[in-house]
């Protein structure tokens, strides 16, 4: 199933970790279980692989669900206001990490996994 969502402002933590994300409004018909997913993302007619996070962010003490996508191999050229994405594969549940650096190491593993499919 494809979803389209509006890009919203975020805290900039993904960028600091080396994985800048598009923070998205959670679509009203979004019934996906919390977790980390491999997704396909369409930006300006080009399809990219992406890593999607949906749920709380325990390492930053944020219990409120968030939806964000790191788009692999994407170099921003113009502002993006909406994203269309398709969930391809569930990777893992939400985990807590003892530090942002541990989280970044896990994201790197998730990205490697996504590149393989």
PDB file of N, CA and C in Angstrom:
ATOM      1  N   UNK A   1       0.834  -1.182   0.000  1.00  0.00           N
ATOM      2  CA  UNK A   1       0.000   0.000   0.000  1.00  0.00           C
ATOM      3  C   UNK A   1       0.878   1.245   0.000  1.00  0.00           C
ATOM      4  N   UNK A   2       0.504   2.227  -0.801  1.00  0.00           N
ATOM      5  CA  UNK A   2       1.225   3.491  -0.853  1.00  0.00           C
ATOM      6  C   UNK A   2       0.609   4.495   0.108  1.00  0.00           C
ATOM      7  N   UNK A   3       1.468   5.304   0.704  1.00  0.00           N
ATOM      8  CA  UNK A   3       1.048   6.384   1.594  1.00  0.00           C
ATOM      9  C   UNK A   3       1.669   7.674   1.093  1.00  0.00           C
ATOM     10  N   UNK A   4       0.952   8.767   1.263  1.00  0.00           N
ATOM     11  CA  UNK A   4       1.497  10.090   0.974  1.00  0.00           C
ATOM     12  C   UNK A   4       1.347  10.907   2.243  1.00  0.00           C
ATOM     13  N   UNK A   5       2.421  11.610   2.599  1.00  0.00           N
ATOM     14  CA  UNK A   5       2.408  12.384   3.832  1.00  0.00           C
ATOM     15  C   UNK A   5       3.141  13.704   3.635  1.00  0.00           C
ATOM     16  N   UNK A   6       2.767  14.666   4.461  1.00  0.00           N
ATOM     17  CA  UNK A   6       3.379  15.986   4.445  1.00  0.00           C
ATOM     18  C   UNK A   6       4.660  15.979   5.273  1.00  0.00           C
ATOM     19  N   UNK A   7       5.714  16.568   4.736  1.00  0.00           N
ATOM     20  CA  UNK A   7       6.984  16.703   5.457  1.00  0.00           C
ATOM     21  C   UNK A   7       6.817  17.822   6.490  1.00  0.00           C
ATOM     22  N   UNK A   8       7.239  17.539   7.723  1.00  0.00           N
ATOM     23  CA  UNK A   8       7.154  18.513   8.814  1.00  0.00           C
ATOM     24  C   UNK A   8       8.545  18.724   9.404  1.00  0.00           C
ATOM     25  N   UNK A   9       8.685  19.742  10.196  1.00  0.00           N
ATOM     26  CA  UNK A   9       9.968  20.011  10.849  1.00  0.00           C
ATOM     27  C   UNK A   9      10.275  18.985  11.927  1.00  0.00           C
ATOM     28  N   UNK A  10      11.541  18.702  12.113  1.00  0.00           N
ATOM     29  CA  UNK A  10      11.970  17.772  13.148  1.00  0.00           C
ATOM     30  C   UNK A  10      13.016  18.407  14.037  1.00  0.00           C
ATOM     31  N   UNK A  11      13.577  17.610  14.925  1.00  0.00           N
ATOM     32  CA  UNK A  11      14.574  18.107  15.877  1.00  0.00           C
ATOM     33  C   UNK A  11      15.984  18.125  15.300  1.00  0.00           C
ATOM     34  N   UNK A  12      16.196  17.516  14.128  1.00  0.00           N
ATOM     35  CA  UNK A  12      17.521  17.499  13.515  1.00  0.00           C
ATOM     36  C   UNK A  12      18.454  16.446  14.076  1.00  0.00           C
ATOM     37  N   UNK A  13      17.922  15.520  14.881  1.00  0.00           N
ATOM     38  CA  UNK A  13      18.788  14.492  15.485  1.00  0.00           C
ATOM     39  C   UNK A  13      19.317  13.509  14.457  1.00  0.00           C
ATOM     40  N   UNK A  14      18.499  13.145  13.463  1.00  0.00           N
ATOM     41  CA  UNK A  14      18.956  12.217  12.431  1.00  0.00           C
ATOM     42  C   UNK A  14      20.153  12.761  11.680  1.00  0.00           C
ATOM     43  N   UNK A  15      20.108  14.028  11.358  1.00  0.00           N
ATOM     44  CA  UNK A  15      21.220  14.672  10.648  1.00  0.00           C
ATOM     45  C   UNK A  15      22.492  14.607  11.483  1.00  0.00           C
ATOM     46  N   UNK A  16      22.375  14.865  12.794  1.00  0.00           N
ATOM     47  CA  UNK A  16      23.536  14.810  13.683  1.00  0.00           C
ATOM     48  C   UNK A  16      24.117  13.401  13.772  1.00  0.00           C
ATOM     49  N   UNK A  17      23.261  12.385  13.601  1.00  0.00           N
ATOM     50  CA  UNK A  17      23.714  10.990  13.648  1.00  0.00           C
ATOM     51  C   UNK A  17      24.276  10.514  12.309  1.00  0.00           C
ATOM     52  N   UNK A  18      24.157  11.350  11.272  1.00  0.00           N
ATOM     53  CA  UNK A  18      24.638  10.955   9.946  1.00  0.00           C
ATOM     54  C   UNK A  18      23.562  10.343   9.072  1.00  0.00           C
ATOM     55  N   UNK A  19      22.311  10.385   9.540  1.00  0.00           N
ATOM     56  CA  UNK A  19      21.188   9.816   8.804  1.00  0.00           C
ATOM     57  C   UNK A  19      20.036  10.819   8.798  1.00  0.00           C
ATOM     58  N   UNK A  20      20.136  11.874   7.982  1.00  0.00           N
ATOM     59  CA  UNK A  20      19.071  12.880   7.969  1.00  0.00           C
ATOM     60  C   UNK A  20      17.759  12.275   7.493  1.00  0.00           C
ATOM     61  N   UNK A  21      16.698  12.590   8.198  1.00  0.00           N
ATOM     62  CA  UNK A  21      15.401  12.006   7.870  1.00  0.00           C
ATOM     63  C   UNK A  21      14.400  13.074   7.453  1.00  0.00           C
ATOM     64  N   UNK A  22      13.406  12.619   6.713  1.00  0.00           N
ATOM     65  CA  UNK A  22      12.222  13.416   6.476  1.00  0.00           C
ATOM     66  C   UNK A  22      11.265  13.064   7.605  1.00  0.00           C
ATOM     67  N   UNK A  23      10.879  14.040   8.397  1.00  0.00           N
ATOM     68  CA  UNK A  23       9.872  13.843   9.432  1.00  0.00           C
ATOM     69  C   UNK A  23       8.519  14.067   8.778  1.00  0.00           C
ATOM     70  N   UNK A  24       7.588  13.159   9.051  1.00  0.00           N
ATOM     71  CA  UNK A  24       6.310  13.175   8.339  1.00  0.00           C
ATOM     72  C   UNK A  24       5.134  13.210   9.296  1.00  0.00           C
ATOM     73  N   UNK A  25       4.040  13.845   8.839  1.00  0.00           N
ATOM     74  CA  UNK A  25       2.783  13.731   9.556  1.00  0.00           C
ATOM     75  C   UNK A  25       2.329  12.280   9.446  1.00  0.00           C
ATOM     76  N   UNK A  26       1.785  11.746  10.520  1.00  0.00           N
ATOM     77  CA  UNK A  26       1.291  10.368  10.486  1.00  0.00           C
ATOM     78  C   UNK A  26      -0.055  10.377   9.764  1.00  0.00           C
ATOM     79  N   UNK A  27      -0.146   9.655   8.629  1.00  0.00           N
ATOM     80  CA  UNK A  27      -1.413   9.651   7.879  1.00  0.00           C
ATOM     81  C   UNK A  27      -2.561   9.116   8.733  1.00  0.00           C
ATOM     82  N   UNK A  28      -3.767   9.628   8.505  1.00  0.00           N
ATOM     83  CA  UNK A  28      -4.924   9.232   9.314  1.00  0.00           C
ATOM     84  C   UNK A  28      -5.251   7.747   9.145  1.00  0.00           C
ATOM     85  N   UNK A  29      -5.014   7.174   7.993  1.00  0.00           N
ATOM     86  CA  UNK A  29      -5.319   5.761   7.757  1.00  0.00           C
ATOM     87  C   UNK A  29      -4.106   4.860   7.972  1.00  0.00           C
ATOM     88  N   UNK A  30      -3.133   5.321   8.771  1.00  0.00           N
ATOM     89  CA  UNK A  30      -1.880   4.596   8.976  1.00  0.00           C
ATOM     90  C   UNK A  30      -2.074   3.582  10.102  1.00  0.00           C
ATOM     91  N   UNK A  31      -2.185   2.310   9.747  1.00  0.00           N
ATOM     92  CA  UNK A  31      -2.447   1.255  10.730  1.00  0.00           C
ATOM     93  C   UNK A  31      -1.257   0.306  10.866  1.00  0.00           C
ATOM     94  N   UNK A  32      -0.085   0.804  10.590  1.00  0.00           N
ATOM     95  CA  UNK A  32       1.138   0.001  10.618  1.00  0.00           C
ATOM     96  C   UNK A  32       1.606  -0.169  12.061  1.00  0.00           C
ATOM     97  N   UNK A  33       2.106  -1.348  12.397  1.00  0.00           N
ATOM     98  CA  UNK A  33       2.658  -1.577  13.734  1.00  0.00           C
ATOM     99  C   UNK A  33       3.942  -0.781  13.908  1.00  0.00           C
ATOM    100  N   UNK A  34       4.215  -0.357  15.124  1.00  0.00           N
ATOM    101  CA  UNK A  34       5.451   0.369  15.402  1.00  0.00           C
ATOM    102  C   UNK A  34       6.650  -0.494  15.043  1.00  0.00           C
ATOM    103  N   UNK A  35       7.695   0.148  14.513  1.00  0.00           N
ATOM    104  CA  UNK A  35       8.897  -0.593  14.164  1.00  0.00           C
ATOM    105  C   UNK A  35       9.724   0.122  13.119  1.00  0.00           C
ATOM    106  N   UNK A  36      10.723  -0.606  12.635  1.00  0.00           N
ATOM    107  CA  UNK A  36      11.627  -0.123  11.603  1.00  0.00           C
ATOM    108  C   UNK A  36      11.353  -0.941  10.346  1.00  0.00           C
ATOM    109  N   UNK A  37      11.235  -0.234   9.208  1.00  0.00           N
ATOM    110  CA  UNK A  37      10.847  -0.871   7.953  1.00  0.00           C
ATOM    111  C   UNK A  37      11.766  -0.444   6.817  1.00  0.00           C
ATOM    112  N   UNK A  38      11.906  -1.308   5.836  1.00  0.00           N
ATOM    113  CA  UNK A  38      12.474  -0.937   4.560  1.00  0.00           C
ATOM    114  C   UNK A  38      11.327  -0.442   3.694  1.00  0.00           C
ATOM    115  N   UNK A  39      11.520   0.700   3.042  1.00  0.00           N
ATOM    116  CA  UNK A  39      10.459   1.292   2.226  1.00  0.00           C
ATOM    117  C   UNK A  39      10.999   1.699   0.863  1.00  0.00           C
ATOM    118  N   UNK A  40      10.092   1.916  -0.060  1.00  0.00           N
ATOM    119  CA  UNK A  40      10.404   2.544  -1.342  1.00  0.00           C
ATOM    120  C   UNK A  40       9.795   3.937  -1.284  1.00  0.00           C
ATOM    121  N   UNK A  41      10.563   4.924  -1.693  1.00  0.00           N
ATOM    122  CA  UNK A  41      10.145   6.325  -1.605  1.00  0.00           C
ATOM    123  C   UNK A  41      10.202   6.945  -2.992  1.00  0.00           C
ATOM    124  N   UNK A  42       9.161   7.707  -3.329  1.00  0.00           N
ATOM    125  CA  UNK A  42       9.133   8.426  -4.601  1.00  0.00           C
ATOM    126  C   UNK A  42       9.354   9.906  -4.325  1.00  0.00           C
ATOM    127  N   UNK A  43      10.426  10.463  -4.906  1.00  0.00           N
ATOM    128  CA  UNK A  43      10.690  11.899  -4.806  1.00  0.00           C
ATOM    129  C   UNK A  43      10.882  12.418  -6.231  1.00  0.00           C
ATOM    130  N   UNK A  44       9.991  13.297  -6.633  1.00  0.00           N
ATOM    131  CA  UNK A  44      10.055  13.919  -7.967  1.00  0.00           C
ATOM    132  C   UNK A  44      10.168  12.878  -9.079  1.00  0.00           C
ATOM    133  N   UNK A  45       9.417  11.791  -8.947  1.00  0.00           N
ATOM    134  CA  UNK A  45       9.394  10.772  -9.981  1.00  0.00           C
ATOM    135  C   UNK A  45      10.540   9.781  -9.949  1.00  0.00           C
ATOM    136  N   UNK A  46      11.429   9.896  -8.968  1.00  0.00           N
ATOM    137  CA  UNK A  46      12.542   8.960  -8.830  1.00  0.00           C
ATOM    138  C   UNK A  46      12.269   8.084  -7.601  1.00  0.00           C
ATOM    139  N   UNK A  47      12.496   6.779  -7.762  1.00  0.00           N
ATOM    140  CA  UNK A  47      12.241   5.826  -6.674  1.00  0.00           C
ATOM    141  C   UNK A  47      13.549   5.532  -5.940  1.00  0.00           C
ATOM    142  N   UNK A  48      13.506   5.633  -4.622  1.00  0.00           N
ATOM    143  CA  UNK A  48      14.660   5.379  -3.758  1.00  0.00           C
ATOM    144  C   UNK A  48      14.300   4.330  -2.716  1.00  0.00           C
ATOM    145  N   UNK A  49      15.311   3.698  -2.170  1.00  0.00           N
ATOM    146  CA  UNK A  49      15.134   2.850  -0.999  1.00  0.00           C
ATOM    147  C   UNK A  49      15.222   3.742   0.232  1.00  0.00           C
ATOM    148  N   UNK A  50      14.523   3.337   1.282  1.00  0.00           N
ATOM    149  CA  UNK A  50      14.554   4.128   2.499  1.00  0.00           C
ATOM    150  C   UNK A  50      14.388   3.265   3.739  1.00  0.00           C
ATOM    151  N   UNK A  51      14.761   3.849   4.880  1.00  0.00           N
ATOM    152  CA  UNK A  51      14.571   3.224   6.188  1.00  0.00           C
ATOM    153  C   UNK A  51      13.545   4.059   6.934  1.00  0.00           C
ATOM    154  N   UNK A  52      12.452   3.430   7.331  1.00  0.00           N
ATOM    155  CA  UNK A  52      11.374   4.139   8.009  1.00  0.00           C
ATOM    156  C   UNK A  52      11.308   3.754   9.480  1.00  0.00           C
ATOM    157  N   UNK A  53      11.160   4.759  10.315  1.00  0.00           N
ATOM    158  CA  UNK A  53      10.929   4.563  11.748  1.00  0.00           C
ATOM    159  C   UNK A  53       9.519   5.031  12.047  1.00  0.00           C
ATOM    160  N   UNK A  54       8.744   4.180  12.724  1.00  0.00           N
ATOM    161  CA  UNK A  54       7.419   4.579  13.192  1.00  0.00           C
ATOM    162  C   UNK A  54       7.268   4.138  14.634  1.00  0.00           C
ATOM    163  N   UNK A  55       7.080   5.107  15.513  1.00  0.00           N
ATOM    164  CA  UNK A  55       6.875   4.801  16.924  1.00  0.00           C
ATOM    165  C   UNK A  55       7.620   5.779  17.815  1.00  0.00           C
ATOM    166  N   UNK A  56       7.721   5.427  19.094  1.00  0.00           N
ATOM    167  CA  UNK A  56       8.440   6.290  20.030  1.00  0.00           C
ATOM    168  C   UNK A  56       9.945   6.247  19.770  1.00  0.00           C
ATOM    169  N   UNK A  57      10.666   7.178  20.373  1.00  0.00           N
ATOM    170  CA  UNK A  57      12.123   7.202  20.250  1.00  0.00           C
ATOM    171  C   UNK A  57      12.691   7.154  21.662  1.00  0.00           C
ATOM    172  N   UNK A  58      12.830   5.951  22.225  1.00  0.00           N
ATOM    173  CA  UNK A  58      13.214   5.835  23.636  1.00  0.00           C
ATOM    174  C   UNK A  58      14.591   6.404  23.974  1.00  0.00           C
ATOM    175  N   UNK A  59      15.566   6.327  23.080  1.00  0.00           N
ATOM    176  CA  UNK A  59      16.913   6.817  23.390  1.00  0.00           C
ATOM    177  C   UNK A  59      16.895   8.327  23.656  1.00  0.00           C
ATOM    178  N   UNK A  60      15.905   9.044  23.100  1.00  0.00           N
ATOM    179  CA  UNK A  60      15.764  10.483  23.330  1.00  0.00           C
ATOM    180  C   UNK A  60      14.588  10.789  24.262  1.00  0.00           C
ATOM    181  N   UNK A  61      14.121   9.773  24.992  1.00  0.00           N
ATOM    182  CA  UNK A  61      13.013   9.932  25.942  1.00  0.00           C
ATOM    183  C   UNK A  61      11.779  10.564  25.302  1.00  0.00           C
ATOM    184  N   UNK A  62      11.475  10.143  24.081  1.00  0.00           N
ATOM    185  CA  UNK A  62      10.325  10.670  23.366  1.00  0.00           C
ATOM    186  C   UNK A  62       9.286   9.556  23.208  1.00  0.00           C
ATOM    187  N   UNK A  63       8.249   9.532  24.078  1.00  0.00           N
ATOM    188  CA  UNK A  63       7.253   8.457  24.010  1.00  0.00           C
ATOM    189  C   UNK A  63       6.213   8.644  22.905  1.00  0.00           C
ATOM    190  N   UNK A  64       6.113   9.869  22.359  1.00  0.00           N
ATOM    191  CA  UNK A  64       5.124  10.151  21.329  1.00  0.00           C
ATOM    192  C   UNK A  64       5.541   9.502  20.010  1.00  0.00           C
ATOM    193  N   UNK A  65       4.622   8.796  19.339  1.00  0.00           N
ATOM    194  CA  UNK A  65       4.978   8.182  18.049  1.00  0.00           C
ATOM    195  C   UNK A  65       5.406   9.223  17.016  1.00  0.00           C
ATOM    196  N   UNK A  66       6.443   8.882  16.278  1.00  0.00           N
ATOM    197  CA  UNK A  66       6.881   9.732  15.179  1.00  0.00           C
ATOM    198  C   UNK A  66       7.021   8.864  13.937  1.00  0.00           C
ATOM    199  N   UNK A  67       6.977   9.515  12.791  1.00  0.00           N
ATOM    200  CA  UNK A  67       7.147   8.844  11.509  1.00  0.00           C
ATOM    201  C   UNK A  67       8.240   9.597  10.773  1.00  0.00           C
ATOM    202  N   UNK A  68       9.325   8.883  10.448  1.00  0.00           N
ATOM    203  CA  UNK A  68      10.417   9.522   9.719  1.00  0.00           C
ATOM    204  C   UNK A  68      11.080   8.516   8.802  1.00  0.00           C
ATOM    205  N   UNK A  69      11.630   9.038   7.711  1.00  0.00           N
ATOM    206  CA  UNK A  69      12.258   8.185   6.706  1.00  0.00           C
ATOM    207  C   UNK A  69      13.618   8.753   6.330  1.00  0.00           C
ATOM    208  N   UNK A  70      14.634   7.892   6.392  1.00  0.00           N
ATOM    209  CA  UNK A  70      15.957   8.206   5.848  1.00  0.00           C
ATOM    210  C   UNK A  70      15.977   7.639   4.443  1.00  0.00           C
ATOM    211  N   UNK A  71      16.236   8.481   3.452  1.00  0.00           N
ATOM    212  CA  UNK A  71      16.234   8.061   2.051  1.00  0.00           C
ATOM    213  C   UNK A  71      17.666   7.787   1.620  1.00  0.00           C
ATOM    214  N   UNK A  72      17.936   6.543   1.230  1.00  0.00           N
ATOM    215  CA  UNK A  72      19.278   6.131   0.830  1.00  0.00           C
ATOM    216  C   UNK A  72      19.674   6.799  -0.489  1.00  0.00           C
ATOM    217  N   UNK A  73      20.899   7.256  -0.542  1.00  0.00           N
ATOM    218  CA  UNK A  73      21.488   7.797  -1.776  1.00  0.00           C
ATOM    219  C   UNK A  73      20.737   8.998  -2.339  1.00  0.00           C
ATOM    220  N   UNK A  74      20.053   9.736  -1.500  1.00  0.00           N
ATOM    221  CA  UNK A  74      19.316  10.920  -1.937  1.00  0.00           C
ATOM    222  C   UNK A  74      20.112  12.169  -1.604  1.00  0.00           C
ATOM    223  N   UNK A  75      20.317  12.984  -2.606  1.00  0.00           N
ATOM    224  CA  UNK A  75      20.980  14.282  -2.442  1.00  0.00           C
ATOM    225  C   UNK A  75      19.937  15.362  -2.692  1.00  0.00           C
ATOM    226  N   UNK A  76      19.589  16.120  -1.658  1.00  0.00           N
ATOM    227  CA  UNK A  76      18.537  17.132  -1.850  1.00  0.00           C
ATOM    228  C   UNK A  76      18.945  18.201  -2.859  1.00  0.00           C
ATOM    229  N   UNK A  77      18.024  18.495  -3.755  1.00  0.00           N
ATOM    230  CA  UNK A  77      18.250  19.559  -4.731  1.00  0.00           C
ATOM    231  C   UNK A  77      17.202  20.651  -4.583  1.00  0.00           C
ATOM    232  N   UNK A  78      15.988  20.256  -4.273  1.00  0.00           N
ATOM    233  CA  UNK A  78      14.883  21.189  -4.065  1.00  0.00           C
ATOM    234  C   UNK A  78      14.147  20.806  -2.790  1.00  0.00           C
ATOM    235  N   UNK A  79      13.477  21.747  -2.159  1.00  0.00           N
ATOM    236  CA  UNK A  79      12.695  21.397  -0.964  1.00  0.00           C
ATOM    237  C   UNK A  79      11.634  20.348  -1.285  1.00  0.00           C
ATOM    238  N   UNK A  80      11.435  19.425  -0.389  1.00  0.00           N
ATOM    239  CA  UNK A  80      10.424  18.381  -0.537  1.00  0.00           C
ATOM    240  C   UNK A  80       9.324  18.668   0.484  1.00  0.00           C
ATOM    241  N   UNK A  81       8.080  18.759   0.018  1.00  0.00           N
ATOM    242  CA  UNK A  81       6.977  19.071   0.927  1.00  0.00           C
ATOM    243  C   UNK A  81       6.080  17.871   1.211  1.00  0.00           C
ATOM    244  N   UNK A  82       6.091  16.888   0.303  1.00  0.00           N
ATOM    245  CA  UNK A  82       5.339  15.654   0.530  1.00  0.00           C
ATOM    246  C   UNK A  82       6.184  14.471   0.068  1.00  0.00           C
ATOM    247  N   UNK A  83       5.956  13.343   0.700  1.00  0.00           N
ATOM    248  CA  UNK A  83       6.615  12.097   0.297  1.00  0.00           C
ATOM    249  C   UNK A  83       5.562  11.035   0.062  1.00  0.00           C
ATOM    250  N   UNK A  84       5.762  10.244  -0.973  1.00  0.00           N
ATOM    251  CA  UNK A  84       4.955   9.056  -1.204  1.00  0.00           C
ATOM    252  C   UNK A  84       5.864   7.865  -0.977  1.00  0.00           C
ATOM    253  N   UNK A  85       5.387   6.917  -0.170  1.00  0.00           N
ATOM    254  CA  UNK A  85       6.221   5.766   0.154  1.00  0.00           C
ATOM    255  C   UNK A  85       5.391   4.498   0.241  1.00  0.00           C
ATOM    256  N   UNK A  86       6.090   3.392   0.042  1.00  0.00           N
ATOM    257  CA  UNK A  86       5.482   2.062   0.112  1.00  0.00           C
ATOM    258  C   UNK A  86       6.308   1.225   1.069  1.00  0.00           C
ATOM    259  N   UNK A  87       5.647   0.586   2.007  1.00  0.00           N
ATOM    260  CA  UNK A  87       6.345  -0.284   2.948  1.00  0.00           C
ATOM    261  C   UNK A  87       6.654  -1.597   2.249  1.00  0.00           C
ATOM    262  N   UNK A  88       7.934  -1.972   2.272  1.00  0.00           N
ATOM    263  CA  UNK A  88       8.379  -3.182   1.591  1.00  0.00           C
ATOM    264  C   UNK A  88       8.606  -4.332   2.576  1.00  0.00           C
ATOM    265  N   UNK A  89       9.275  -4.033   3.712  1.00  0.00           N
ATOM    266  CA  UNK A  89       9.656  -5.122   4.606  1.00  0.00           C
ATOM    267  C   UNK A  89       9.821  -4.618   6.035  1.00  0.00           C
ATOM    268  N   UNK A  90       9.271  -5.368   6.996  1.00  0.00           N
ATOM    269  CA  UNK A  90       9.498  -5.093   8.415  1.00  0.00           C
ATOM    270  C   UNK A  90      10.913  -5.556   8.755  1.00  0.00           C
ATOM    271  N   UNK A  91      11.687  -4.693   9.407  1.00  0.00           N
ATOM    272  CA  UNK A  91      13.052  -5.055   9.775  1.00  0.00           C
ATOM    273  C   UNK A  91      13.188  -5.478  11.234  1.00  0.00           C
ATOM    274  N   UNK A  92      12.627  -4.671  12.131  1.00  0.00           N
ATOM    275  CA  UNK A  92      12.789  -4.965  13.551  1.00  0.00           C
ATOM    276  C   UNK A  92      11.853  -4.092  14.376  1.00  0.00           C
ATOM    277  N   UNK A  93      11.627  -4.488  15.629  1.00  0.00           N
ATOM    278  CA  UNK A  93      10.821  -3.635  16.509  1.00  0.00           C
ATOM    279  C   UNK A  93      11.633  -2.433  17.000  1.00  0.00           C
ATOM    280  N   UNK A  94      10.944  -1.477  17.594  1.00  0.00           N
ATOM    281  CA  UNK A  94      11.595  -0.330  18.228  1.00  0.00           C
ATOM    282  C   UNK A  94      12.454  -0.857  19.381  1.00  0.00           C
ATOM    283  N   UNK A  95      13.658  -0.323  19.511  1.00  0.00           N
ATOM    284  CA  UNK A  95      14.557  -0.717  20.595  1.00  0.00           C
ATOM    285  C   UNK A  95      15.022   0.530  21.329  1.00  0.00           C
ATOM    286  N   UNK A  96      15.432   0.349  22.575  1.00  0.00           N
ATOM    287  CA  UNK A  96      16.078   1.430  23.299  1.00  0.00           C
ATOM    288  C   UNK A  96      17.582   1.203  23.214  1.00  0.00           C
ATOM    289  N   UNK A  97      18.326   2.268  23.138  1.00  0.00           N
ATOM    290  CA  UNK A  97      19.782   2.191  23.066  1.00  0.00           C
ATOM    291  C   UNK A  97      20.358   3.028  24.195  1.00  0.00           C
ATOM    292  N   UNK A  98      21.538   2.662  24.637  1.00  0.00           N
ATOM    293  CA  UNK A  98      22.139   3.367  25.761  1.00  0.00           C
ATOM    294  C   UNK A  98      22.715   4.725  25.359  1.00  0.00           C
ATOM    295  N   UNK A  99      22.865   4.959  24.048  1.00  0.00           N
ATOM    296  CA  UNK A  99      23.411   6.232  23.589  1.00  0.00           C
ATOM    297  C   UNK A  99      22.984   6.481  22.141  1.00  0.00           C
ATOM    298  N   UNK A 100      23.033   7.748  21.715  1.00  0.00           N
ATOM    299  CA  UNK A 100      22.762   8.036  20.304  1.00  0.00           C
ATOM    300  C   UNK A 100      23.757   7.338  19.371  1.00  0.00           C
ATOM    301  N   UNK A 101      24.993   7.145  19.809  1.00  0.00           N
ATOM    302  CA  UNK A 101      25.993   6.470  18.987  1.00  0.00           C
ATOM    303  C   UNK A 101      25.608   5.005  18.746  1.00  0.00           C
ATOM    304  N   UNK A 102      25.046   4.347  19.772  1.00  0.00           N
ATOM    305  CA  UNK A 102      24.571   2.971  19.588  1.00  0.00           C
ATOM    306  C   UNK A 102      23.425   2.941  18.587  1.00  0.00           C
ATOM    307  N   UNK A 103      22.538   3.921  18.685  1.00  0.00           N
ATOM    308  CA  UNK A 103      21.436   4.022  17.732  1.00  0.00           C
ATOM    309  C   UNK A 103      21.976   4.198  16.319  1.00  0.00           C
ATOM    310  N   UNK A 104      22.955   5.081  16.131  1.00  0.00           N
ATOM    311  CA  UNK A 104      23.538   5.306  14.802  1.00  0.00           C
ATOM    312  C   UNK A 104      24.160   4.027  14.245  1.00  0.00           C
ATOM    313  N   UNK A 105      24.814   3.248  15.099  1.00  0.00           N
ATOM    314  CA  UNK A 105      25.406   1.981  14.654  1.00  0.00           C
ATOM    315  C   UNK A 105      24.319   1.018  14.181  1.00  0.00           C
ATOM    316  N   UNK A 106      23.185   0.984  14.884  1.00  0.00           N
ATOM    317  CA  UNK A 106      22.085   0.105  14.475  1.00  0.00           C
ATOM    318  C   UNK A 106      21.453   0.594  13.180  1.00  0.00           C
ATOM    319  N   UNK A 107      21.315   1.904  13.031  1.00  0.00           N
ATOM    320  CA  UNK A 107      20.767   2.438  11.778  1.00  0.00           C
ATOM    321  C   UNK A 107      21.663   2.039  10.610  1.00  0.00           C
ATOM    322  N   UNK A 108      22.970   2.101  10.797  1.00  0.00           N
ATOM    323  CA  UNK A 108      23.906   1.688   9.734  1.00  0.00           C
ATOM    324  C   UNK A 108      23.666   0.230   9.355  1.00  0.00           C
ATOM    325  N   UNK A 109      23.418  -0.631  10.342  1.00  0.00           N
ATOM    326  CA  UNK A 109      23.118  -2.038  10.056  1.00  0.00           C
ATOM    327  C   UNK A 109      21.795  -2.165   9.313  1.00  0.00           C
ATOM    328  N   UNK A 110      20.804  -1.382   9.725  1.00  0.00           N
ATOM    329  CA  UNK A 110      19.516  -1.416   9.045  1.00  0.00           C
ATOM    330  C   UNK A 110      19.658  -0.993   7.575  1.00  0.00           C
ATOM    331  N   UNK A 111      20.446   0.046   7.326  1.00  0.00           N
ATOM    332  CA  UNK A 111      20.659   0.527   5.957  1.00  0.00           C
ATOM    333  C   UNK A 111      21.340  -0.542   5.113  1.00  0.00           C
ATOM    334  N   UNK A 112      22.327  -1.225   5.681  1.00  0.00           N
ATOM    335  CA  UNK A 112      22.993  -2.314   4.957  1.00  0.00           C
ATOM    336  C   UNK A 112      21.990  -3.406   4.607  1.00  0.00           C
ATOM    337  N   UNK A 113      21.115  -3.726   5.538  1.00  0.00           N
ATOM    338  CA  UNK A 113      20.085  -4.728   5.312  1.00  0.00           C
ATOM    339  C   UNK A 113      19.149  -4.276   4.176  1.00  0.00           C
ATOM    340  N   UNK A 114      18.739  -3.023   4.194  1.00  0.00           N
ATOM    341  CA  UNK A 114      17.842  -2.501   3.168  1.00  0.00           C
ATOM    342  C   UNK A 114      18.500  -2.534   1.792  1.00  0.00           C
ATOM    343  N   UNK A 115      19.774  -2.243   1.714  1.00  0.00           N
ATOM    344  CA  UNK A 115      20.464  -2.271   0.419  1.00  0.00           C
ATOM    345  C   UNK A 115      20.450  -3.668  -0.201  1.00  0.00           C
ATOM    346  N   UNK A 116      20.311  -4.707   0.625  1.00  0.00           N
ATOM    347  CA  UNK A 116      20.375  -6.066   0.119  1.00  0.00           C
ATOM    348  C   UNK A 116      19.069  -6.537  -0.522  1.00  0.00           C
ATOM    349  N   UNK A 117      17.997  -5.770  -0.409  1.00  0.00           N
ATOM    350  CA  UNK A 117      16.749  -6.194  -1.067  1.00  0.00           C
ATOM    351  C   UNK A 117      16.174  -5.117  -1.929  1.00  0.00           C
TER     352      UNK A 117
END
